[in-house]
């Protein structure tokens, strides 16, 4: 396990030099959502009808996408606010 973790850390450090941090965050968030949806499907498909499982998955997908969009907008606004604050604090 130590070798796998160490390899993962080294790969991430190397990738961070070539790929923007925002891209890495979105990619990891997407993978997290996909695995979560797969787990929900696995459990619900056994417990309830496939139609209801599909409807629940569609609702979860819609809410996940909505949350990602809202968070991205807030992050852009915060970045813009922080950038404006830095620009205003500099002496002319």
PDB file of N, CA and C in Angstrom:
ATOM      1  N   UNK A   1       0.820  -1.176   0.000  1.00  0.00           N
ATOM      2  CA  UNK A   1       0.000   0.000   0.000  1.00  0.00           C
ATOM      3  C   UNK A   1       0.875   1.255   0.000  1.00  0.00           C
ATOM      4  N   UNK A   2       1.982   1.181   0.677  1.00  0.00           N
ATOM      5  CA  UNK A   2       2.905   2.305   0.717  1.00  0.00           C
ATOM      6  C   UNK A   2       3.443   2.611  -0.684  1.00  0.00           C
ATOM      7  N   UNK A   3       3.754   1.580  -1.450  1.00  0.00           N
ATOM      8  CA  UNK A   3       4.259   1.771  -2.811  1.00  0.00           C
ATOM      9  C   UNK A   3       3.191   2.412  -3.688  1.00  0.00           C
ATOM     10  N   UNK A   4       1.932   1.950  -3.575  1.00  0.00           N
ATOM     11  CA  UNK A   4       0.841   2.506  -4.378  1.00  0.00           C
ATOM     12  C   UNK A   4       0.596   3.969  -4.019  1.00  0.00           C
ATOM     13  N   UNK A   5       0.580   4.297  -2.723  1.00  0.00           N
ATOM     14  CA  UNK A   5       0.375   5.679  -2.301  1.00  0.00           C
ATOM     15  C   UNK A   5       1.524   6.572  -2.751  1.00  0.00           C
ATOM     16  N   UNK A   6       2.733   6.082  -2.593  1.00  0.00           N
ATOM     17  CA  UNK A   6       3.901   6.857  -3.014  1.00  0.00           C
ATOM     18  C   UNK A   6       3.899   7.119  -4.505  1.00  0.00           C
ATOM     19  N   UNK A   7       3.549   6.096  -5.276  1.00  0.00           N
ATOM     20  CA  UNK A   7       3.472   6.252  -6.727  1.00  0.00           C
ATOM     21  C   UNK A   7       2.395   7.266  -7.091  1.00  0.00           C
ATOM     22  N   UNK A   8       1.253   7.184  -6.425  1.00  0.00           N
ATOM     23  CA  UNK A   8       0.172   8.129  -6.688  1.00  0.00           C
ATOM     24  C   UNK A   8       0.572   9.560  -6.387  1.00  0.00           C
ATOM     25  N   UNK A   9       1.268   9.769  -5.290  1.00  0.00           N
ATOM     26  CA  UNK A   9       1.718  11.115  -4.926  1.00  0.00           C
ATOM     27  C   UNK A   9       2.708  11.647  -5.950  1.00  0.00           C
ATOM     28  N   UNK A  10       3.629  10.819  -6.374  1.00  0.00           N
ATOM     29  CA  UNK A  10       4.627  11.245  -7.365  1.00  0.00           C
ATOM     30  C   UNK A  10       3.942  11.605  -8.683  1.00  0.00           C
ATOM     31  N   UNK A  11       2.992  10.792  -9.111  1.00  0.00           N
ATOM     32  CA  UNK A  11       2.280  11.061 -10.360  1.00  0.00           C
ATOM     33  C   UNK A  11       1.519  12.383 -10.266  1.00  0.00           C
ATOM     34  N   UNK A  12       0.865  12.630  -9.142  1.00  0.00           N
ATOM     35  CA  UNK A  12       0.107  13.869  -8.967  1.00  0.00           C
ATOM     36  C   UNK A  12       1.031  15.079  -8.969  1.00  0.00           C
ATOM     37  N   UNK A  13       2.170  14.978  -8.317  1.00  0.00           N
ATOM     38  CA  UNK A  13       3.116  16.100  -8.300  1.00  0.00           C
ATOM     39  C   UNK A  13       3.588  16.413  -9.712  1.00  0.00           C
ATOM     40  N   UNK A  14       3.880  15.389 -10.493  1.00  0.00           N
ATOM     41  CA  UNK A  14       4.331  15.599 -11.867  1.00  0.00           C
ATOM     42  C   UNK A  14       3.196  16.183 -12.716  1.00  0.00           C
ATOM     43  N   UNK A  15       1.977  15.661 -12.550  1.00  0.00           N
ATOM     44  CA  UNK A  15       0.845  16.155 -13.334  1.00  0.00           C
ATOM     45  C   UNK A  15       0.495  17.599 -12.979  1.00  0.00           C
ATOM     46  N   UNK A  16       0.658  17.981 -11.722  1.00  0.00           N
ATOM     47  CA  UNK A  16       0.330  19.348 -11.307  1.00  0.00           C
ATOM     48  C   UNK A  16       1.208  20.379 -12.006  1.00  0.00           C
ATOM     49  N   UNK A  17       2.376  19.965 -12.422  1.00  0.00           N
ATOM     50  CA  UNK A  17       3.255  20.888 -13.144  1.00  0.00           C
ATOM     51  C   UNK A  17       2.777  21.116 -14.577  1.00  0.00           C
ATOM     52  N   UNK A  18       1.992  20.181 -15.134  1.00  0.00           N
ATOM     53  CA  UNK A  18       1.583  20.264 -16.531  1.00  0.00           C
ATOM     54  C   UNK A  18       0.097  20.525 -16.726  1.00  0.00           C
ATOM     55  N   UNK A  19      -0.715  20.232 -15.729  1.00  0.00           N
ATOM     56  CA  UNK A  19      -2.167  20.368 -15.848  1.00  0.00           C
ATOM     57  C   UNK A  19      -2.636  21.360 -14.786  1.00  0.00           C
ATOM     58  N   UNK A  20      -3.522  22.296 -15.168  1.00  0.00           N
ATOM     59  CA  UNK A  20      -4.020  23.260 -14.174  1.00  0.00           C
ATOM     60  C   UNK A  20      -4.764  22.578 -13.033  1.00  0.00           C
ATOM     61  N   UNK A  21      -4.670  23.178 -11.854  1.00  0.00           N
ATOM     62  CA  UNK A  21      -5.289  22.604 -10.661  1.00  0.00           C
ATOM     63  C   UNK A  21      -6.809  22.514 -10.814  1.00  0.00           C
ATOM     64  N   UNK A  22      -7.406  23.489 -11.477  1.00  0.00           N
ATOM     65  CA  UNK A  22      -8.854  23.477 -11.675  1.00  0.00           C
ATOM     66  C   UNK A  22      -9.285  22.250 -12.483  1.00  0.00           C
ATOM     67  N   UNK A  23      -8.518  21.890 -13.496  1.00  0.00           N
ATOM     68  CA  UNK A  23      -8.834  20.714 -14.306  1.00  0.00           C
ATOM     69  C   UNK A  23      -8.761  19.442 -13.469  1.00  0.00           C
ATOM     70  N   UNK A  24      -7.757  19.349 -12.632  1.00  0.00           N
ATOM     71  CA  UNK A  24      -7.606  18.174 -11.776  1.00  0.00           C
ATOM     72  C   UNK A  24      -8.775  18.073 -10.801  1.00  0.00           C
ATOM     73  N   UNK A  25      -9.200  19.214 -10.239  1.00  0.00           N
ATOM     74  CA  UNK A  25     -10.332  19.212  -9.306  1.00  0.00           C
ATOM     75  C   UNK A  25     -11.607  18.752  -9.991  1.00  0.00           C
ATOM     76  N   UNK A  26     -11.872  19.282 -11.202  1.00  0.00           N
ATOM     77  CA  UNK A  26     -13.099  18.898 -11.916  1.00  0.00           C
ATOM     78  C   UNK A  26     -13.077  17.425 -12.310  1.00  0.00           C
ATOM     79  N   UNK A  27     -11.917  16.952 -12.723  1.00  0.00           N
ATOM     80  CA  UNK A  27     -11.799  15.549 -13.112  1.00  0.00           C
ATOM     81  C   UNK A  27     -12.041  14.636 -11.913  1.00  0.00           C
ATOM     82  N   UNK A  28     -11.427  14.970 -10.774  1.00  0.00           N
ATOM     83  CA  UNK A  28     -11.605  14.125  -9.590  1.00  0.00           C
ATOM     84  C   UNK A  28     -13.041  14.216  -9.072  1.00  0.00           C
ATOM     85  N   UNK A  29     -13.668  15.383  -9.163  1.00  0.00           N
ATOM     86  CA  UNK A  29     -15.069  15.510  -8.754  1.00  0.00           C
ATOM     87  C   UNK A  29     -15.967  14.672  -9.663  1.00  0.00           C
ATOM     88  N   UNK A  30     -15.688  14.679 -10.949  1.00  0.00           N
ATOM     89  CA  UNK A  30     -16.469  13.881 -11.886  1.00  0.00           C
ATOM     90  C   UNK A  30     -16.351  12.391 -11.610  1.00  0.00           C
ATOM     91  N   UNK A  31     -15.136  11.939 -11.335  1.00  0.00           N
ATOM     92  CA  UNK A  31     -14.934  10.524 -11.013  1.00  0.00           C
ATOM     93  C   UNK A  31     -15.658  10.160  -9.722  1.00  0.00           C
ATOM     94  N   UNK A  32     -15.619  11.055  -8.727  1.00  0.00           N
ATOM     95  CA  UNK A  32     -16.309  10.822  -7.467  1.00  0.00           C
ATOM     96  C   UNK A  32     -17.809  10.658  -7.699  1.00  0.00           C
ATOM     97  N   UNK A  33     -18.386  11.536  -8.520  1.00  0.00           N
ATOM     98  CA  UNK A  33     -19.825  11.465  -8.817  1.00  0.00           C
ATOM     99  C   UNK A  33     -20.153  10.174  -9.575  1.00  0.00           C
ATOM    100  N   UNK A  34     -19.329   9.804 -10.522  1.00  0.00           N
ATOM    101  CA  UNK A  34     -19.582   8.583 -11.308  1.00  0.00           C
ATOM    102  C   UNK A  34     -19.572   7.349 -10.407  1.00  0.00           C
ATOM    103  N   UNK A  35     -18.582   7.250  -9.522  1.00  0.00           N
ATOM    104  CA  UNK A  35     -18.539   6.101  -8.613  1.00  0.00           C
ATOM    105  C   UNK A  35     -19.721   6.111  -7.645  1.00  0.00           C
ATOM    106  N   UNK A  36     -20.109   7.302  -7.198  1.00  0.00           N
ATOM    107  CA  UNK A  36     -21.280   7.399  -6.332  1.00  0.00           C
ATOM    108  C   UNK A  36     -22.542   6.934  -7.034  1.00  0.00           C
ATOM    109  N   UNK A  37     -22.734   7.361  -8.274  1.00  0.00           N
ATOM    110  CA  UNK A  37     -23.904   6.942  -9.046  1.00  0.00           C
ATOM    111  C   UNK A  37     -23.882   5.439  -9.318  1.00  0.00           C
ATOM    112  N   UNK A  38     -22.701   4.908  -9.576  1.00  0.00           N
ATOM    113  CA  UNK A  38     -22.589   3.460  -9.795  1.00  0.00           C
ATOM    114  C   UNK A  38     -22.975   2.694  -8.534  1.00  0.00           C
ATOM    115  N   UNK A  39     -22.555   3.196  -7.382  1.00  0.00           N
ATOM    116  CA  UNK A  39     -22.919   2.547  -6.120  1.00  0.00           C
ATOM    117  C   UNK A  39     -24.409   2.623  -5.849  1.00  0.00           C
ATOM    118  N   UNK A  40     -25.012   3.783  -6.131  1.00  0.00           N
ATOM    119  CA  UNK A  40     -26.461   3.935  -5.950  1.00  0.00           C
ATOM    120  C   UNK A  40     -27.200   2.977  -6.878  1.00  0.00           C
ATOM    121  N   UNK A  41     -26.740   2.888  -8.124  1.00  0.00           N
ATOM    122  CA  UNK A  41     -27.386   1.977  -9.075  1.00  0.00           C
ATOM    123  C   UNK A  41     -27.291   0.530  -8.602  1.00  0.00           C
ATOM    124  N   UNK A  42     -26.127   0.161  -8.114  1.00  0.00           N
ATOM    125  CA  UNK A  42     -25.917  -1.210  -7.654  1.00  0.00           C
ATOM    126  C   UNK A  42     -26.891  -1.589  -6.537  1.00  0.00           C
ATOM    127  N   UNK A  43     -27.082  -0.675  -5.609  1.00  0.00           N
ATOM    128  CA  UNK A  43     -27.963  -0.955  -4.471  1.00  0.00           C
ATOM    129  C   UNK A  43     -29.426  -0.885  -4.882  1.00  0.00           C
ATOM    130  N   UNK A  44     -29.793   0.181  -5.600  1.00  0.00           N
ATOM    131  CA  UNK A  44     -31.205   0.383  -5.920  1.00  0.00           C
ATOM    132  C   UNK A  44     -31.747  -0.607  -6.942  1.00  0.00           C
ATOM    133  N   UNK A  45     -30.913  -1.052  -7.861  1.00  0.00           N
ATOM    134  CA  UNK A  45     -31.406  -1.976  -8.889  1.00  0.00           C
ATOM    135  C   UNK A  45     -31.864  -3.298  -8.289  1.00  0.00           C
ATOM    136  N   UNK A  46     -31.327  -3.652  -7.151  1.00  0.00           N
ATOM    137  CA  UNK A  46     -31.737  -4.882  -6.473  1.00  0.00           C
ATOM    138  C   UNK A  46     -32.989  -4.641  -5.636  1.00  0.00           C
ATOM    139  N   UNK A  47     -33.095  -3.450  -5.049  1.00  0.00           N
ATOM    140  CA  UNK A  47     -34.166  -3.156  -4.103  1.00  0.00           C
ATOM    141  C   UNK A  47     -35.478  -2.726  -4.773  1.00  0.00           C
ATOM    142  N   UNK A  48     -35.393  -1.877  -5.823  1.00  0.00           N
ATOM    143  CA  UNK A  48     -36.614  -1.349  -6.445  1.00  0.00           C
ATOM    144  C   UNK A  48     -36.567  -1.568  -7.952  1.00  0.00           C
ATOM    145  N   UNK A  49     -37.680  -1.249  -8.615  1.00  0.00           N
ATOM    146  CA  UNK A  49     -37.791  -1.463 -10.061  1.00  0.00           C
ATOM    147  C   UNK A  49     -36.778  -0.597 -10.815  1.00  0.00           C
ATOM    148  N   UNK A  50     -36.425  -1.047 -11.996  1.00  0.00           N
ATOM    149  CA  UNK A  50     -35.423  -0.361 -12.807  1.00  0.00           C
ATOM    150  C   UNK A  50     -35.885   1.038 -13.206  1.00  0.00           C
ATOM    151  N   UNK A  51     -37.177   1.224 -13.431  1.00  0.00           N
ATOM    152  CA  UNK A  51     -37.695   2.539 -13.813  1.00  0.00           C
ATOM    153  C   UNK A  51     -37.454   3.544 -12.691  1.00  0.00           C
ATOM    154  N   UNK A  52     -37.750   3.160 -11.460  1.00  0.00           N
ATOM    155  CA  UNK A  52     -37.538   4.054 -10.325  1.00  0.00           C
ATOM    156  C   UNK A  52     -36.052   4.308 -10.094  1.00  0.00           C
ATOM    157  N   UNK A  53     -35.256   3.304 -10.314  1.00  0.00           N
ATOM    158  CA  UNK A  53     -33.805   3.470 -10.188  1.00  0.00           C
ATOM    159  C   UNK A  53     -33.307   4.501 -11.194  1.00  0.00           C
ATOM    160  N   UNK A  54     -33.787   4.395 -12.428  1.00  0.00           N
ATOM    161  CA  UNK A  54     -33.403   5.348 -13.471  1.00  0.00           C
ATOM    162  C   UNK A  54     -33.829   6.763 -13.127  1.00  0.00           C
ATOM    163  N   UNK A  55     -35.041   6.915 -12.608  1.00  0.00           N
ATOM    164  CA  UNK A  55     -35.524   8.243 -12.228  1.00  0.00           C
ATOM    165  C   UNK A  55     -34.689   8.843 -11.094  1.00  0.00           C
ATOM    166  N   UNK A  56     -34.361   8.032 -10.130  1.00  0.00           N
ATOM    167  CA  UNK A  56     -33.536   8.512  -9.015  1.00  0.00           C
ATOM    168  C   UNK A  56     -32.145   8.898  -9.509  1.00  0.00           C
ATOM    169  N   UNK A  57     -31.579   8.089 -10.397  1.00  0.00           N
ATOM    170  CA  UNK A  57     -30.261   8.417 -10.944  1.00  0.00           C
ATOM    171  C   UNK A  57     -30.303   9.714 -11.751  1.00  0.00           C
ATOM    172  N   UNK A  58     -31.355   9.915 -12.538  1.00  0.00           N
ATOM    173  CA  UNK A  58     -31.490  11.165 -13.299  1.00  0.00           C
ATOM    174  C   UNK A  58     -31.595  12.366 -12.358  1.00  0.00           C
ATOM    175  N   UNK A  59     -32.338  12.214 -11.282  1.00  0.00           N
ATOM    176  CA  UNK A  59     -32.454  13.289 -10.295  1.00  0.00           C
ATOM    177  C   UNK A  59     -31.104  13.586  -9.640  1.00  0.00           C
ATOM    178  N   UNK A  60     -30.377  12.540  -9.301  1.00  0.00           N
ATOM    179  CA  UNK A  60     -29.052  12.732  -8.706  1.00  0.00           C
ATOM    180  C   UNK A  60     -28.070  13.377  -9.687  1.00  0.00           C
ATOM    181  N   UNK A  61     -28.134  12.980 -10.954  1.00  0.00           N
ATOM    182  CA  UNK A  61     -27.262  13.580 -11.971  1.00  0.00           C
ATOM    183  C   UNK A  61     -27.585  15.054 -12.133  1.00  0.00           C
ATOM    184  N   UNK A  62     -28.881  15.371 -12.218  1.00  0.00           N
ATOM    185  CA  UNK A  62     -29.288  16.770 -12.381  1.00  0.00           C
ATOM    186  C   UNK A  62     -28.848  17.614 -11.187  1.00  0.00           C
ATOM    187  N   UNK A  63     -29.015  17.094  -9.988  1.00  0.00           N
ATOM    188  CA  UNK A  63     -28.612  17.864  -8.810  1.00  0.00           C
ATOM    189  C   UNK A  63     -27.090  17.992  -8.725  1.00  0.00           C
ATOM    190  N   UNK A  64     -26.360  16.970  -9.129  1.00  0.00           N
ATOM    191  CA  UNK A  64     -24.894  17.042  -9.119  1.00  0.00           C
ATOM    192  C   UNK A  64     -24.383  18.075 -10.109  1.00  0.00           C
ATOM    193  N   UNK A  65     -24.948  18.072 -11.311  1.00  0.00           N
ATOM    194  CA  UNK A  65     -24.532  19.041 -12.331  1.00  0.00           C
ATOM    195  C   UNK A  65     -24.885  20.457 -11.878  1.00  0.00           C
ATOM    196  N   UNK A  66     -26.069  20.633 -11.311  1.00  0.00           N
ATOM    197  CA  UNK A  66     -26.476  21.950 -10.811  1.00  0.00           C
ATOM    198  C   UNK A  66     -25.523  22.439  -9.732  1.00  0.00           C
ATOM    199  N   UNK A  67     -25.189  21.569  -8.812  1.00  0.00           N
ATOM    200  CA  UNK A  67     -24.266  21.945  -7.735  1.00  0.00           C
ATOM    201  C   UNK A  67     -22.893  22.308  -8.289  1.00  0.00           C
ATOM    202  N   UNK A  68     -22.420  21.563  -9.276  1.00  0.00           N
ATOM    203  CA  UNK A  68     -21.115  21.858  -9.864  1.00  0.00           C
ATOM    204  C   UNK A  68     -21.126  23.216 -10.562  1.00  0.00           C
ATOM    205  N   UNK A  69     -22.213  23.532 -11.251  1.00  0.00           N
ATOM    206  CA  UNK A  69     -22.317  24.821 -11.938  1.00  0.00           C
ATOM    207  C   UNK A  69     -22.354  25.960 -10.923  1.00  0.00           C
ATOM    208  N   UNK A  70     -23.154  25.802  -9.874  1.00  0.00           N
ATOM    209  CA  UNK A  70     -23.261  26.843  -8.849  1.00  0.00           C
ATOM    210  C   UNK A  70     -21.907  27.060  -8.167  1.00  0.00           C
ATOM    211  N   UNK A  71     -21.229  25.984  -7.832  1.00  0.00           N
ATOM    212  CA  UNK A  71     -19.915  26.109  -7.190  1.00  0.00           C
ATOM    213  C   UNK A  71     -18.886  26.753  -8.111  1.00  0.00           C
ATOM    214  N   UNK A  72     -18.937  26.434  -9.396  1.00  0.00           N
ATOM    215  CA  UNK A  72     -18.001  27.033 -10.344  1.00  0.00           C
ATOM    216  C   UNK A  72     -18.248  28.534 -10.456  1.00  0.00           C
ATOM    217  N   UNK A  73     -19.505  28.955 -10.485  1.00  0.00           N
ATOM    218  CA  UNK A  73     -19.816  30.387 -10.544  1.00  0.00           C
ATOM    219  C   UNK A  73     -19.340  31.109  -9.291  1.00  0.00           C
ATOM    220  N   UNK A  74     -19.579  30.503  -8.135  1.00  0.00           N
ATOM    221  CA  UNK A  74     -19.130  31.122  -6.884  1.00  0.00           C
ATOM    222  C   UNK A  74     -17.608  31.238  -6.853  1.00  0.00           C
ATOM    223  N   UNK A  75     -16.939  30.220  -7.336  1.00  0.00           N
ATOM    224  CA  UNK A  75     -15.476  30.245  -7.333  1.00  0.00           C
ATOM    225  C   UNK A  75     -14.968  31.349  -8.252  1.00  0.00           C
ATOM    226  N   UNK A  76     -15.592  31.505  -9.420  1.00  0.00           N
ATOM    227  CA  UNK A  76     -15.179  32.580 -10.330  1.00  0.00           C
ATOM    228  C   UNK A  76     -15.412  33.946  -9.707  1.00  0.00           C
ATOM    229  N   UNK A  77     -16.549  34.115  -9.021  1.00  0.00           N
ATOM    230  CA  UNK A  77     -16.838  35.388  -8.367  1.00  0.00           C
ATOM    231  C   UNK A  77     -15.826  35.670  -7.263  1.00  0.00           C
ATOM    232  N   UNK A  78     -15.470  34.655  -6.481  1.00  0.00           N
ATOM    233  CA  UNK A  78     -14.476  34.833  -5.422  1.00  0.00           C
ATOM    234  C   UNK A  78     -13.117  35.183  -6.000  1.00  0.00           C
ATOM    235  N   UNK A  79     -12.740  34.530  -7.100  1.00  0.00           N
ATOM    236  CA  UNK A  79     -11.458  34.827  -7.729  1.00  0.00           C
ATOM    237  C   UNK A  79     -11.446  36.253  -8.256  1.00  0.00           C
ATOM    238  N   UNK A  80     -12.558  36.668  -8.860  1.00  0.00           N
ATOM    239  CA  UNK A  80     -12.647  38.032  -9.382  1.00  0.00           C
ATOM    240  C   UNK A  80     -12.596  39.036  -8.239  1.00  0.00           C
ATOM    241  N   UNK A  81     -13.314  38.756  -7.145  1.00  0.00           N
ATOM    242  CA  UNK A  81     -13.306  39.645  -5.985  1.00  0.00           C
ATOM    243  C   UNK A  81     -11.906  39.751  -5.406  1.00  0.00           C
ATOM    244  N   UNK A  82     -11.228  38.626  -5.252  1.00  0.00           N
ATOM    245  CA  UNK A  82      -9.871  38.631  -4.702  1.00  0.00           C
ATOM    246  C   UNK A  82      -8.910  39.368  -5.620  1.00  0.00           C
ATOM    247  N   UNK A  83      -9.088  39.212  -6.922  1.00  0.00           N
ATOM    248  CA  UNK A  83      -8.229  39.890  -7.883  1.00  0.00           C
ATOM    249  C   UNK A  83      -8.468  41.395  -7.826  1.00  0.00           C
ATOM    250  N   UNK A  84      -9.749  41.815  -7.728  1.00  0.00           N
ATOM    251  CA  UNK A  84     -10.065  43.233  -7.617  1.00  0.00           C
ATOM    252  C   UNK A  84      -9.498  43.819  -6.333  1.00  0.00           C
ATOM    253  N   UNK A  85      -9.589  43.061  -5.233  1.00  0.00           N
ATOM    254  CA  UNK A  85      -9.081  43.558  -3.958  1.00  0.00           C
ATOM    255  C   UNK A  85      -7.565  43.738  -4.019  1.00  0.00           C
ATOM    256  N   UNK A  86      -6.885  42.839  -4.672  1.00  0.00           N
ATOM    257  CA  UNK A  86      -5.427  42.952  -4.789  1.00  0.00           C
ATOM    258  C   UNK A  86      -5.065  44.156  -5.659  1.00  0.00           C
ATOM    259  N   UNK A  87      -5.810  44.333  -6.743  1.00  0.00           N
ATOM    260  CA  UNK A  87      -5.521  45.460  -7.635  1.00  0.00           C
ATOM    261  C   UNK A  87      -5.794  46.795  -6.953  1.00  0.00           C
ATOM    262  N   UNK A  88      -6.817  46.869  -6.120  1.00  0.00           N
ATOM    263  CA  UNK A  88      -7.163  48.117  -5.451  1.00  0.00           C
ATOM    264  C   UNK A  88      -6.200  48.420  -4.307  1.00  0.00           C
ATOM    265  N   UNK A  89      -5.598  47.409  -3.733  1.00  0.00           N
ATOM    266  CA  UNK A  89      -4.710  47.648  -2.594  1.00  0.00           C
ATOM    267  C   UNK A  89      -3.327  48.091  -3.015  1.00  0.00           C
ATOM    268  N   UNK A  90      -2.987  47.945  -4.295  1.00  0.00           N
ATOM    269  CA  UNK A  90      -1.667  48.363  -4.767  1.00  0.00           C
ATOM    270  C   UNK A  90      -1.619  49.885  -4.876  1.00  0.00           C
ATOM    271  N   UNK A  91      -0.533  50.490  -4.466  1.00  0.00           N
ATOM    272  CA  UNK A  91      -0.422  51.950  -4.621  1.00  0.00           C
ATOM    273  C   UNK A  91      -0.283  52.334  -6.085  1.00  0.00           C
ATOM    274  N   UNK A  92      -0.847  53.473  -6.439  1.00  0.00           N
ATOM    275  CA  UNK A  92      -0.839  53.913  -7.838  1.00  0.00           C
ATOM    276  C   UNK A  92       0.452  54.585  -8.205  1.00  0.00           C
TER     277      UNK A  92
END
